[in-house]
Amino acid sequence: MLELKHLKKKYGQHIAVNNVSMRVEKGSIHGLLGPNGAGKSSILRMVTGITLPDEGEILFEEKPYRLQDIISHIGYMPEERGLYKKMKIEEHLIYLAQLKGLSLDATKKQIDFWFAKLDMNTWRKKKVEDLSKGMSQKLQFVATVIHEPKLVILDEPFSGLDPVNSEIIKNEIFELAKKGTSIIFSTHRMEQVEEICDKITLINKGEILLQGQLSNIKDSFKNNTYLLETKEKLEGEVLSYVVSQVQNSYIIKPTQENSIQNILQNCINNHTEIIHFKELLPTLQEIFIQQVEGKSSTTF
């Protein structure tokens, strides 16, 4: 759906984006991650046509990117909200949807659909300034997707939402992807990325540090440790492979000479009742910190 090829962007002498390439497939949810000042906003500004790249190319559906041709196919929800406080929310959505080329009749049908789905009907005639932060966030989400764009860009979409409404919006994101919408998801909340994204691109100081399928990335960073919970306390040789313990919960690290299968067999031979066992994978938060501090670049 969207492809960035070797994008570069400078502001004066500062290189904000340096040789960034990225593919967002149809129906995928692609996480764009990085610390503050990494270059995420500069990339999103180029994708939305706010600024142009100094070098490189952007393709949309495998064709050269012409903003005037694809503006109606993009929905952008910025981190800094852009709502007119004195407008009534229904009028606000009509205005924004028509800017994207939607007819008045189609807009009203979409408003009916989304207001019913997100439980917003009682707020139709309220002004934006009367909305809570969470309700404003829901309104901004509707404004982003009301014209059924092919590409949706979400920058911190859960900011200000309580857990119930966060779950509602998360499910809507999944539903959009299922229908073929391509989504770029930018956030600082790594646990949300793990829940939502298929692929990620991690950038720092304008350059890619890590890119690929999230499952492959997490698998590649595992460090051969396992969680073992038992009914009784462990005894004997198995204890030599324990690196930490909380009551009857143990973190086990096997060696080349003694695999996890051998360790588990030893427990069974000693009639140790195993309650729970799993391999421990690093969290995306841990990988993020490791890569940003280590500054190595990897693609999966």
C-alpha atoms as a PDB file:
ATOM      1  CA  MET A   1       0.000   0.000   0.000  1.00  0.00           C
ATOM      2  CA  LEU A   2       2.713   2.480   1.050  1.00  0.00           C
ATOM      3  CA  GLU A   3       6.444   2.316   0.415  1.00  0.00           C
ATOM      4  CA  LEU A   4       9.130   4.737   1.543  1.00  0.00           C
ATOM      5  CA  LYS A   5      12.436   4.505  -0.332  1.00  0.00           C
ATOM      6  CA  HIS A   6      15.615   6.005   1.117  1.00  0.00           C
ATOM      7  CA  LEU A   7      13.938   9.110   2.518  1.00  0.00           C
ATOM      8  CA  LYS A   8      16.135  11.952   3.734  1.00  0.00           C
ATOM      9  CA  LYS A   9      15.072  15.185   5.378  1.00  0.00           C
ATOM     10  CA  LYS A  10      17.187  18.033   6.745  1.00  0.00           C
ATOM     11  CA  TYR A  11      16.227  21.157   8.667  1.00  0.00           C
ATOM     12  CA  GLY A  12      19.178  23.483   8.280  1.00  0.00           C
ATOM     13  CA  GLN A  13      22.199  21.428   9.325  1.00  0.00           C
ATOM     14  CA  HIS A  14      20.123  18.954  11.330  1.00  0.00           C
ATOM     15  CA  ILE A  15      19.470  15.591   9.641  1.00  0.00           C
ATOM     16  CA  ALA A  16      16.002  14.561  10.847  1.00  0.00           C
ATOM     17  CA  VAL A  17      15.586  11.501   8.587  1.00  0.00           C
ATOM     18  CA  ASN A  18      18.515   9.668   7.035  1.00  0.00           C
ATOM     19  CA  ASN A  19      17.996   6.959   4.406  1.00  0.00           C
ATOM     20  CA  VAL A  20      14.771   5.506   5.846  1.00  0.00           C
ATOM     21  CA  SER A  21      12.969   2.804   3.850  1.00  0.00           C
ATOM     22  CA  MET A  22       9.728   1.173   4.970  1.00  0.00           C
ATOM     23  CA  ARG A  23       6.844  -0.858   3.523  1.00  0.00           C
ATOM     24  CA  VAL A  24       3.305  -0.837   4.902  1.00  0.00           C
ATOM     25  CA  GLU A  25       1.349  -3.725   3.417  1.00  0.00           C
ATOM     26  CA  LYS A  26      -2.379  -3.685   2.732  1.00  0.00           C
ATOM     27  CA  GLY A  27      -4.327  -4.657   5.849  1.00  0.00           C
ATOM     28  CA  SER A  28      -1.264  -4.530   8.104  1.00  0.00           C
ATOM     29  CA  ILE A  29      -0.660  -2.573  11.311  1.00  0.00           C
ATOM     30  CA  HIS A  30       2.875  -1.177  11.216  1.00  0.00           C
ATOM     31  CA  GLY A  31       4.381   0.316  14.366  1.00  0.00           C
ATOM     32  CA  LEU A  32       6.605   3.371  13.918  1.00  0.00           C
ATOM     33  CA  LEU A  33       8.669   3.674  17.088  1.00  0.00           C
ATOM     34  CA  GLY A  34      11.489   5.733  18.471  1.00  0.00           C
ATOM     35  CA  PRO A  35      12.483   8.004  21.362  1.00  0.00           C
ATOM     36  CA  ASN A  36      11.670  11.706  21.358  1.00  0.00           C
ATOM     37  CA  GLY A  37      13.446  13.457  18.499  1.00  0.00           C
ATOM     38  CA  ALA A  38      14.041  10.218  16.590  1.00  0.00           C
ATOM     39  CA  GLY A  39      12.445  11.459  13.356  1.00  0.00           C
ATOM     40  CA  LYS A  40       8.982   9.865  13.583  1.00  0.00           C
ATOM     41  CA  SER A  41       7.095  13.130  13.158  1.00  0.00           C
ATOM     42  CA  SER A  42       9.278  14.117  10.208  1.00  0.00           C
ATOM     43  CA  ILE A  43       8.433  10.829   8.475  1.00  0.00           C
ATOM     44  CA  LEU A  44       4.703  11.265   9.127  1.00  0.00           C
ATOM     45  CA  ARG A  45       4.818  14.843   7.822  1.00  0.00           C
ATOM     46  CA  MET A  46       6.339  13.597   4.570  1.00  0.00           C
ATOM     47  CA  VAL A  47       3.771  10.813   4.223  1.00  0.00           C
ATOM     48  CA  THR A  48       0.903  13.269   4.754  1.00  0.00           C
ATOM     49  CA  GLY A  49       2.400  15.842   2.373  1.00  0.00           C
ATOM     50  CA  ILE A  50       2.968  18.508   5.014  1.00  0.00           C
ATOM     51  CA  THR A  51       6.627  18.544   3.955  1.00  0.00           C
ATOM     52  CA  LEU A  52       8.506  16.975   1.038  1.00  0.00           C
ATOM     53  CA  PRO A  53      11.555  14.710   1.286  1.00  0.00           C
ATOM     54  CA  ASP A  54      14.905  16.199   0.286  1.00  0.00           C
ATOM     55  CA  GLU A  55      15.848  12.834  -1.200  1.00  0.00           C
ATOM     56  CA  GLY A  56      14.119   9.514  -1.737  1.00  0.00           C
ATOM     57  CA  GLU A  57      10.720   8.452  -3.000  1.00  0.00           C
ATOM     58  CA  ILE A  58       7.266   7.674  -1.633  1.00  0.00           C
ATOM     59  CA  LEU A  59       5.025   5.214  -3.471  1.00  0.00           C
ATOM     60  CA  PHE A  60       1.302   4.718  -2.854  1.00  0.00           C
ATOM     61  CA  GLU A  61      -0.178   1.538  -4.324  1.00  0.00           C
ATOM     62  CA  GLU A  62       3.090   1.179  -6.303  1.00  0.00           C
ATOM     63  CA  LYS A  63       2.645   4.555  -8.011  1.00  0.00           C
ATOM     64  CA  PRO A  64       4.606   7.771  -7.474  1.00  0.00           C
ATOM     65  CA  TYR A  65       3.119   9.702  -4.592  1.00  0.00           C
ATOM     66  CA  ARG A  66       0.988  12.680  -5.724  1.00  0.00           C
ATOM     67  CA  LEU A  67      -0.764  14.211  -2.729  1.00  0.00           C
ATOM     68  CA  GLN A  68      -3.575  15.701  -4.807  1.00  0.00           C
ATOM     69  CA  ASP A  69      -4.404  12.187  -6.049  1.00  0.00           C
ATOM     70  CA  ILE A  70      -4.339  10.336  -2.752  1.00  0.00           C
ATOM     71  CA  ILE A  71      -5.360  12.920  -0.112  1.00  0.00           C
ATOM     72  CA  SER A  72      -8.869  11.432   0.074  1.00  0.00           C
ATOM     73  CA  HIS A  73      -7.332   7.995   0.749  1.00  0.00           C
ATOM     74  CA  ILE A  74      -5.419   9.063   3.870  1.00  0.00           C
ATOM     75  CA  GLY A  75      -6.720   9.502   7.422  1.00  0.00           C
ATOM     76  CA  TYR A  76      -4.345  11.165   9.879  1.00  0.00           C
ATOM     77  CA  MET A  77      -4.875  11.374  13.634  1.00  0.00           C
ATOM     78  CA  PRO A  78      -2.059  13.578  14.971  1.00  0.00           C
ATOM     79  CA  GLU A  79      -0.776  13.495  18.528  1.00  0.00           C
ATOM     80  CA  GLU A  80      -1.612  17.189  18.858  1.00  0.00           C
ATOM     81  CA  ARG A  81      -5.356  17.351  18.324  1.00  0.00           C
ATOM     82  CA  GLY A  82      -6.824  19.671  15.706  1.00  0.00           C
ATOM     83  CA  LEU A  83     -10.453  20.203  16.683  1.00  0.00           C
ATOM     84  CA  TYR A  84     -12.373  23.504  16.490  1.00  0.00           C
ATOM     85  CA  LYS A  85     -13.642  24.037  20.035  1.00  0.00           C
ATOM     86  CA  LYS A  86     -16.647  26.230  19.213  1.00  0.00           C
ATOM     87  CA  MET A  87     -18.124  23.865  16.601  1.00  0.00           C
ATOM     88  CA  LYS A  88     -20.755  21.249  17.388  1.00  0.00           C
ATOM     89  CA  ILE A  89     -19.297  17.797  16.923  1.00  0.00           C
ATOM     90  CA  GLU A  90     -21.747  16.705  14.201  1.00  0.00           C
ATOM     91  CA  GLU A  91     -21.084  19.883  12.205  1.00  0.00           C
ATOM     92  CA  HIS A  92     -17.377  19.414  12.783  1.00  0.00           C
ATOM     93  CA  LEU A  93     -17.425  15.920  11.261  1.00  0.00           C
ATOM     94  CA  ILE A  94     -19.501  17.084   8.290  1.00  0.00           C
ATOM     95  CA  TYR A  95     -16.963  19.812   7.606  1.00  0.00           C
ATOM     96  CA  LEU A  96     -13.916  17.519   7.867  1.00  0.00           C
ATOM     97  CA  ALA A  97     -15.490  14.692   5.859  1.00  0.00           C
ATOM     98  CA  GLN A  98     -16.441  17.027   3.009  1.00  0.00           C
ATOM     99  CA  LEU A  99     -12.875  18.347   2.928  1.00  0.00           C
ATOM    100  CA  LYS A 100     -11.921  14.731   2.166  1.00  0.00           C
ATOM    101  CA  GLY A 101     -14.412  14.574  -0.702  1.00  0.00           C
ATOM    102  CA  LEU A 102     -17.302  12.767   1.002  1.00  0.00           C
ATOM    103  CA  SER A 103     -20.816  13.827  -0.034  1.00  0.00           C
ATOM    104  CA  LEU A 104     -23.200  15.226   2.572  1.00  0.00           C
ATOM    105  CA  ASP A 105     -25.510  12.184   2.404  1.00  0.00           C
ATOM    106  CA  ALA A 106     -22.609   9.752   2.725  1.00  0.00           C
ATOM    107  CA  THR A 107     -21.176  11.786   5.604  1.00  0.00           C
ATOM    108  CA  LYS A 108     -24.447  11.697   7.551  1.00  0.00           C
ATOM    109  CA  LYS A 109     -24.690   7.929   7.102  1.00  0.00           C
ATOM    110  CA  GLN A 110     -21.146   7.525   8.372  1.00  0.00           C
ATOM    111  CA  ILE A 111     -21.845   9.783  11.357  1.00  0.00           C
ATOM    112  CA  ASP A 112     -24.929   7.711  12.246  1.00  0.00           C
ATOM    113  CA  PHE A 113     -22.858   4.541  11.960  1.00  0.00           C
ATOM    114  CA  TRP A 114     -19.914   5.696  14.099  1.00  0.00           C
ATOM    115  CA  PHE A 115     -21.967   7.558  16.712  1.00  0.00           C
ATOM    116  CA  ALA A 116     -24.058   4.453  17.304  1.00  0.00           C
ATOM    117  CA  LYS A 117     -20.990   2.202  17.362  1.00  0.00           C
ATOM    118  CA  LEU A 118     -19.006   4.371  19.797  1.00  0.00           C
ATOM    119  CA  ASP A 119     -21.975   5.429  21.940  1.00  0.00           C
ATOM    120  CA  MET A 120     -21.733   9.112  20.976  1.00  0.00           C
ATOM    121  CA  ASN A 121     -25.330   9.873  19.939  1.00  0.00           C
ATOM    122  CA  THR A 122     -26.180  11.921  23.028  1.00  0.00           C
ATOM    123  CA  TRP A 123     -23.268  14.249  22.226  1.00  0.00           C
ATOM    124  CA  ARG A 124     -24.281  15.151  18.664  1.00  0.00           C
ATOM    125  CA  LYS A 125     -25.227  18.767  19.389  1.00  0.00           C
ATOM    126  CA  LYS A 126     -22.541  19.387  22.011  1.00  0.00           C
ATOM    127  CA  LYS A 127     -19.669  21.713  21.236  1.00  0.00           C
ATOM    128  CA  VAL A 128     -16.173  20.303  21.081  1.00  0.00           C
ATOM    129  CA  GLU A 129     -15.149  22.430  24.084  1.00  0.00           C
ATOM    130  CA  ASP A 130     -17.764  20.618  26.208  1.00  0.00           C
ATOM    131  CA  LEU A 131     -16.239  17.182  25.589  1.00  0.00           C
ATOM    132  CA  SER A 132     -14.024  15.315  28.007  1.00  0.00           C
ATOM    133  CA  LYS A 133     -10.533  14.443  26.841  1.00  0.00           C
ATOM    134  CA  GLY A 134     -11.601  10.859  26.194  1.00  0.00           C
ATOM    135  CA  MET A 135     -14.674  11.862  24.205  1.00  0.00           C
ATOM    136  CA  SER A 136     -12.570  14.342  22.196  1.00  0.00           C
ATOM    137  CA  GLN A 137     -10.240  11.459  21.401  1.00  0.00           C
ATOM    138  CA  LYS A 138     -13.139   9.356  20.128  1.00  0.00           C
ATOM    139  CA  LEU A 139     -14.295  12.279  17.997  1.00  0.00           C
ATOM    140  CA  GLN A 140     -10.804  12.663  16.543  1.00  0.00           C
ATOM    141  CA  PHE A 141     -10.742   8.945  15.716  1.00  0.00           C
ATOM    142  CA  VAL A 142     -14.085   9.176  13.899  1.00  0.00           C
ATOM    143  CA  ALA A 143     -12.845  12.217  11.976  1.00  0.00           C
ATOM    144  CA  THR A 144      -9.804  10.178  10.906  1.00  0.00           C
ATOM    145  CA  VAL A 145     -11.719   7.192   9.511  1.00  0.00           C
ATOM    146  CA  ILE A 146     -15.099   8.663   8.487  1.00  0.00           C
ATOM    147  CA  HIS A 147     -14.175   8.846   4.770  1.00  0.00           C
ATOM    148  CA  GLU A 148     -13.009   5.179   4.782  1.00  0.00           C
ATOM    149  CA  PRO A 149      -9.361   5.864   3.878  1.00  0.00           C
ATOM    150  CA  LYS A 150      -7.035   3.192   2.527  1.00  0.00           C
ATOM    151  CA  LEU A 151      -4.206   4.384   4.781  1.00  0.00           C
ATOM    152  CA  VAL A 152      -4.742   5.449   8.401  1.00  0.00           C
ATOM    153  CA  ILE A 153      -1.999   7.104  10.462  1.00  0.00           C
ATOM    154  CA  LEU A 154      -2.561   7.017  14.222  1.00  0.00           C
ATOM    155  CA  ASP A 155      -0.226   9.001  16.471  1.00  0.00           C
ATOM    156  CA  GLU A 156      -0.849   8.154  20.165  1.00  0.00           C
ATOM    157  CA  PRO A 157      -4.518   7.239  19.526  1.00  0.00           C
ATOM    158  CA  PHE A 158      -5.179   6.030  23.098  1.00  0.00           C
ATOM    159  CA  SER A 159      -4.109   9.226  24.861  1.00  0.00           C
ATOM    160  CA  GLY A 160      -6.792  10.277  27.344  1.00  0.00           C
ATOM    161  CA  LEU A 161      -8.905   7.133  26.926  1.00  0.00           C
ATOM    162  CA  ASP A 162      -9.954   4.995  29.886  1.00  0.00           C
ATOM    163  CA  PRO A 163      -9.372   1.208  29.656  1.00  0.00           C
ATOM    164  CA  VAL A 164     -12.908   0.503  28.379  1.00  0.00           C
ATOM    165  CA  ASN A 165     -12.732   3.042  25.546  1.00  0.00           C
ATOM    166  CA  SER A 166      -9.139   2.053  24.771  1.00  0.00           C
ATOM    167  CA  GLU A 167     -10.368  -1.493  24.209  1.00  0.00           C
ATOM    168  CA  ILE A 168     -13.187  -0.226  21.971  1.00  0.00           C
ATOM    169  CA  ILE A 169     -10.796   1.791  19.783  1.00  0.00           C
ATOM    170  CA  LYS A 170      -8.287  -1.069  19.694  1.00  0.00           C
ATOM    171  CA  ASN A 171     -10.986  -3.422  18.380  1.00  0.00           C
ATOM    172  CA  GLU A 172     -11.954  -0.845  15.745  1.00  0.00           C
ATOM    173  CA  ILE A 173      -8.313  -0.689  14.626  1.00  0.00           C
ATOM    174  CA  PHE A 174      -8.291  -4.475  14.218  1.00  0.00           C
ATOM    175  CA  GLU A 175     -11.562  -4.294  12.291  1.00  0.00           C
ATOM    176  CA  LEU A 176     -10.174  -1.660   9.917  1.00  0.00           C
ATOM    177  CA  ALA A 177      -7.104  -3.812   9.231  1.00  0.00           C
ATOM    178  CA  LYS A 178      -9.299  -6.861   8.653  1.00  0.00           C
ATOM    179  CA  LYS A 179     -11.176  -4.908   5.965  1.00  0.00           C
ATOM    180  CA  GLY A 180      -7.901  -4.080   4.203  1.00  0.00           C
ATOM    181  CA  THR A 181      -7.012  -0.679   5.647  1.00  0.00           C
ATOM    182  CA  SER A 182      -3.276  -0.135   6.095  1.00  0.00           C
ATOM    183  CA  ILE A 183      -2.365   1.424   9.433  1.00  0.00           C
ATOM    184  CA  ILE A 184       0.731   3.219  10.707  1.00  0.00           C
ATOM    185  CA  PHE A 185       0.645   3.211  14.491  1.00  0.00           C
ATOM    186  CA  SER A 186       2.990   5.526  16.392  1.00  0.00           C
ATOM    187  CA  THR A 187       3.207   5.468  20.180  1.00  0.00           C
ATOM    188  CA  HIS A 188       5.551   5.436  23.161  1.00  0.00           C
ATOM    189  CA  ARG A 189       3.542   2.637  24.809  1.00  0.00           C
ATOM    190  CA  MET A 190       5.410  -0.549  23.944  1.00  0.00           C
ATOM    191  CA  GLU A 191       2.784  -2.844  25.466  1.00  0.00           C
ATOM    192  CA  GLN A 192       0.217  -1.413  23.012  1.00  0.00           C
ATOM    193  CA  VAL A 193       2.559  -2.105  20.105  1.00  0.00           C
ATOM    194  CA  GLU A 194       2.934  -5.726  21.239  1.00  0.00           C
ATOM    195  CA  GLU A 195      -0.852  -6.094  21.353  1.00  0.00           C
ATOM    196  CA  ILE A 196      -1.632  -4.406  18.061  1.00  0.00           C
ATOM    197  CA  CYS A 197       1.200  -4.376  15.494  1.00  0.00           C
ATOM    198  CA  ASP A 198       2.277  -6.959  12.911  1.00  0.00           C
ATOM    199  CA  LYS A 199       5.539  -5.247  11.961  1.00  0.00           C
ATOM    200  CA  ILE A 200       7.592  -2.458  13.463  1.00  0.00           C
ATOM    201  CA  THR A 201      10.197   0.066  12.398  1.00  0.00           C
ATOM    202  CA  LEU A 202      12.321   1.443  15.226  1.00  0.00           C
ATOM    203  CA  ILE A 203      14.256   4.596  14.436  1.00  0.00           C
ATOM    204  CA  ASN A 204      16.677   6.737  16.413  1.00  0.00           C
ATOM    205  CA  LYS A 205      18.421   9.937  15.345  1.00  0.00           C
ATOM    206  CA  GLY A 206      16.779   9.661  11.954  1.00  0.00           C
ATOM    207  CA  GLU A 207      18.030   6.154  11.148  1.00  0.00           C
ATOM    208  CA  ILE A 208      16.496   2.683  11.310  1.00  0.00           C
ATOM    209  CA  LEU A 209      17.701   0.549  14.210  1.00  0.00           C
ATOM    210  CA  LEU A 210      15.290  -2.352  13.923  1.00  0.00           C
ATOM    211  CA  GLN A 211      12.698  -3.421  11.367  1.00  0.00           C
ATOM    212  CA  GLY A 212      10.601  -6.483  10.617  1.00  0.00           C
ATOM    213  CA  GLN A 213       7.900  -8.838  11.867  1.00  0.00           C
ATOM    214  CA  LEU A 214       7.334  -8.300  15.569  1.00  0.00           C
ATOM    215  CA  SER A 215       7.196 -12.036  16.306  1.00  0.00           C
ATOM    216  CA  ASN A 216      10.516 -12.626  14.510  1.00  0.00           C
ATOM    217  CA  ILE A 217      12.145  -9.727  16.335  1.00  0.00           C
ATOM    218  CA  LYS A 218      11.072 -10.955  19.762  1.00  0.00           C
ATOM    219  CA  ASP A 219      12.154 -14.483  18.909  1.00  0.00           C
ATOM    220  CA  SER A 220      15.602 -13.291  17.826  1.00  0.00           C
ATOM    221  CA  PHE A 221      16.200 -11.497  21.130  1.00  0.00           C
ATOM    222  CA  LYS A 222      15.337 -14.406  23.416  1.00  0.00           C
ATOM    223  CA  ASN A 223      18.155 -15.374  25.753  1.00  0.00           C
ATOM    224  CA  ASN A 224      17.454 -19.017  26.613  1.00  0.00           C
ATOM    225  CA  THR A 225      15.646 -18.460  29.905  1.00  0.00           C
ATOM    226  CA  TYR A 226      12.518 -20.191  31.179  1.00  0.00           C
ATOM    227  CA  LEU A 227       9.955 -19.764  33.921  1.00  0.00           C
ATOM    228  CA  LEU A 228       9.289 -22.868  35.994  1.00  0.00           C
ATOM    229  CA  GLU A 229       6.665 -22.985  38.750  1.00  0.00           C
ATOM    230  CA  THR A 230       6.443 -26.064  40.946  1.00  0.00           C
ATOM    231  CA  LYS A 231       4.257 -27.304  43.771  1.00  0.00           C
ATOM    232  CA  GLU A 232       7.217 -28.197  45.963  1.00  0.00           C
ATOM    233  CA  LYS A 233      10.572 -26.474  46.246  1.00  0.00           C
ATOM    234  CA  LEU A 234      13.215 -27.643  43.787  1.00  0.00           C
ATOM    235  CA  GLU A 235      16.049 -29.752  45.073  1.00  0.00           C
ATOM    236  CA  GLY A 236      19.256 -31.285  43.793  1.00  0.00           C
ATOM    237  CA  GLU A 237      21.066 -30.667  40.494  1.00  0.00           C
ATOM    238  CA  VAL A 238      18.262 -28.522  38.993  1.00  0.00           C
ATOM    239  CA  LEU A 239      19.077 -25.724  41.448  1.00  0.00           C
ATOM    240  CA  SER A 240      22.400 -25.128  39.685  1.00  0.00           C
ATOM    241  CA  TYR A 241      20.474 -23.758  36.676  1.00  0.00           C
ATOM    242  CA  VAL A 242      18.315 -21.364  38.703  1.00  0.00           C
ATOM    243  CA  VAL A 243      19.251 -17.691  38.172  1.00  0.00           C
ATOM    244  CA  SER A 244      16.486 -16.219  40.361  1.00  0.00           C
ATOM    245  CA  GLN A 245      13.685 -17.441  42.579  1.00  0.00           C
ATOM    246  CA  VAL A 246      10.494 -16.127  44.189  1.00  0.00           C
ATOM    247  CA  GLN A 247       9.018 -18.811  46.458  1.00  0.00           C
ATOM    248  CA  ASN A 248       8.296 -21.769  44.139  1.00  0.00           C
ATOM    249  CA  SER A 249       8.703 -19.750  40.948  1.00  0.00           C
ATOM    250  CA  TYR A 250      12.116 -20.145  39.284  1.00  0.00           C
ATOM    251  CA  ILE A 251      13.934 -18.550  36.370  1.00  0.00           C
ATOM    252  CA  ILE A 252      15.949 -21.322  34.718  1.00  0.00           C
ATOM    253  CA  LYS A 253      18.864 -20.857  32.312  1.00  0.00           C
ATOM    254  CA  PRO A 254      20.056 -24.105  30.692  1.00  0.00           C
ATOM    255  CA  THR A 255      23.560 -24.685  29.314  1.00  0.00           C
ATOM    256  CA  GLN A 256      24.815 -26.266  26.108  1.00  0.00           C
ATOM    257  CA  GLU A 257      25.658 -29.379  28.086  1.00  0.00           C
ATOM    258  CA  ASN A 258      22.267 -29.608  29.785  1.00  0.00           C
ATOM    259  CA  SER A 259      19.206 -28.601  27.728  1.00  0.00           C
ATOM    260  CA  ILE A 260      15.865 -27.515  29.111  1.00  0.00           C
ATOM    261  CA  GLN A 261      14.472 -30.912  28.143  1.00  0.00           C
ATOM    262  CA  ASN A 262      17.043 -32.600  30.386  1.00  0.00           C
ATOM    263  CA  ILE A 263      16.263 -30.241  33.236  1.00  0.00           C
ATOM    264  CA  LEU A 264      12.535 -30.934  32.974  1.00  0.00           C
ATOM    265  CA  GLN A 265      13.202 -34.669  32.804  1.00  0.00           C
ATOM    266  CA  ASN A 266      15.258 -34.353  35.975  1.00  0.00           C
ATOM    267  CA  CYS A 267      12.269 -32.709  37.685  1.00  0.00           C
ATOM    268  CA  ILE A 268      10.009 -35.523  36.542  1.00  0.00           C
ATOM    269  CA  ASN A 269      12.474 -38.162  37.729  1.00  0.00           C
ATOM    270  CA  ASN A 270      12.484 -36.472  41.155  1.00  0.00           C
ATOM    271  CA  HIS A 271       8.647 -36.522  41.174  1.00  0.00           C
ATOM    272  CA  THR A 272       8.500 -32.718  41.185  1.00  0.00           C
ATOM    273  CA  GLU A 273       5.005 -31.512  40.268  1.00  0.00           C
ATOM    274  CA  ILE A 274       5.255 -28.792  37.611  1.00  0.00           C
ATOM    275  CA  ILE A 275       2.433 -26.220  37.769  1.00  0.00           C
ATOM    276  CA  HIS A 276       3.547 -23.858  35.000  1.00  0.00           C
ATOM    277  CA  PHE A 277       6.347 -23.692  32.447  1.00  0.00           C
ATOM    278  CA  LYS A 278       7.120 -21.285  29.588  1.00  0.00           C
ATOM    279  CA  GLU A 279       9.988 -19.780  27.666  1.00  0.00           C
ATOM    280  CA  LEU A 280      10.648 -16.157  28.565  1.00  0.00           C
ATOM    281  CA  LEU A 281      10.863 -13.699  25.680  1.00  0.00           C
ATOM    282  CA  PRO A 282      12.089 -10.138  26.184  1.00  0.00           C
ATOM    283  CA  THR A 283       9.424  -7.439  26.134  1.00  0.00           C
ATOM    284  CA  LEU A 284       9.437  -4.913  23.327  1.00  0.00           C
ATOM    285  CA  GLN A 285      10.259  -2.294  25.963  1.00  0.00           C
ATOM    286  CA  GLU A 286      13.460  -4.176  26.823  1.00  0.00           C
ATOM    287  CA  ILE A 287      14.380  -4.585  23.150  1.00  0.00           C
ATOM    288  CA  PHE A 288      13.638  -0.904  22.518  1.00  0.00           C
ATOM    289  CA  ILE A 289      15.956   0.255  25.309  1.00  0.00           C
ATOM    290  CA  GLN A 290      18.680  -2.202  24.322  1.00  0.00           C
ATOM    291  CA  GLN A 291      18.657  -1.113  20.667  1.00  0.00           C
ATOM    292  CA  VAL A 292      18.461   2.613  21.327  1.00  0.00           C
ATOM    293  CA  GLU A 293      21.330   2.442  23.814  1.00  0.00           C
ATOM    294  CA  GLY A 294      23.325  -0.037  21.722  1.00  0.00           C
ATOM    295  CA  LYS A 295      22.610   1.776  18.429  1.00  0.00           C
ATOM    296  CA  SER A 296      22.886  -1.353  16.277  1.00  0.00           C
ATOM    297  CA  SER A 297      20.804  -1.768  13.109  1.00  0.00           C
ATOM    298  CA  THR A 298      18.961  -4.989  12.269  1.00  0.00           C
ATOM    299  CA  THR A 299      16.281  -6.044   9.792  1.00  0.00           C
ATOM    300  CA  PHE A 300      14.120  -9.169  10.147  1.00  0.00           C
END
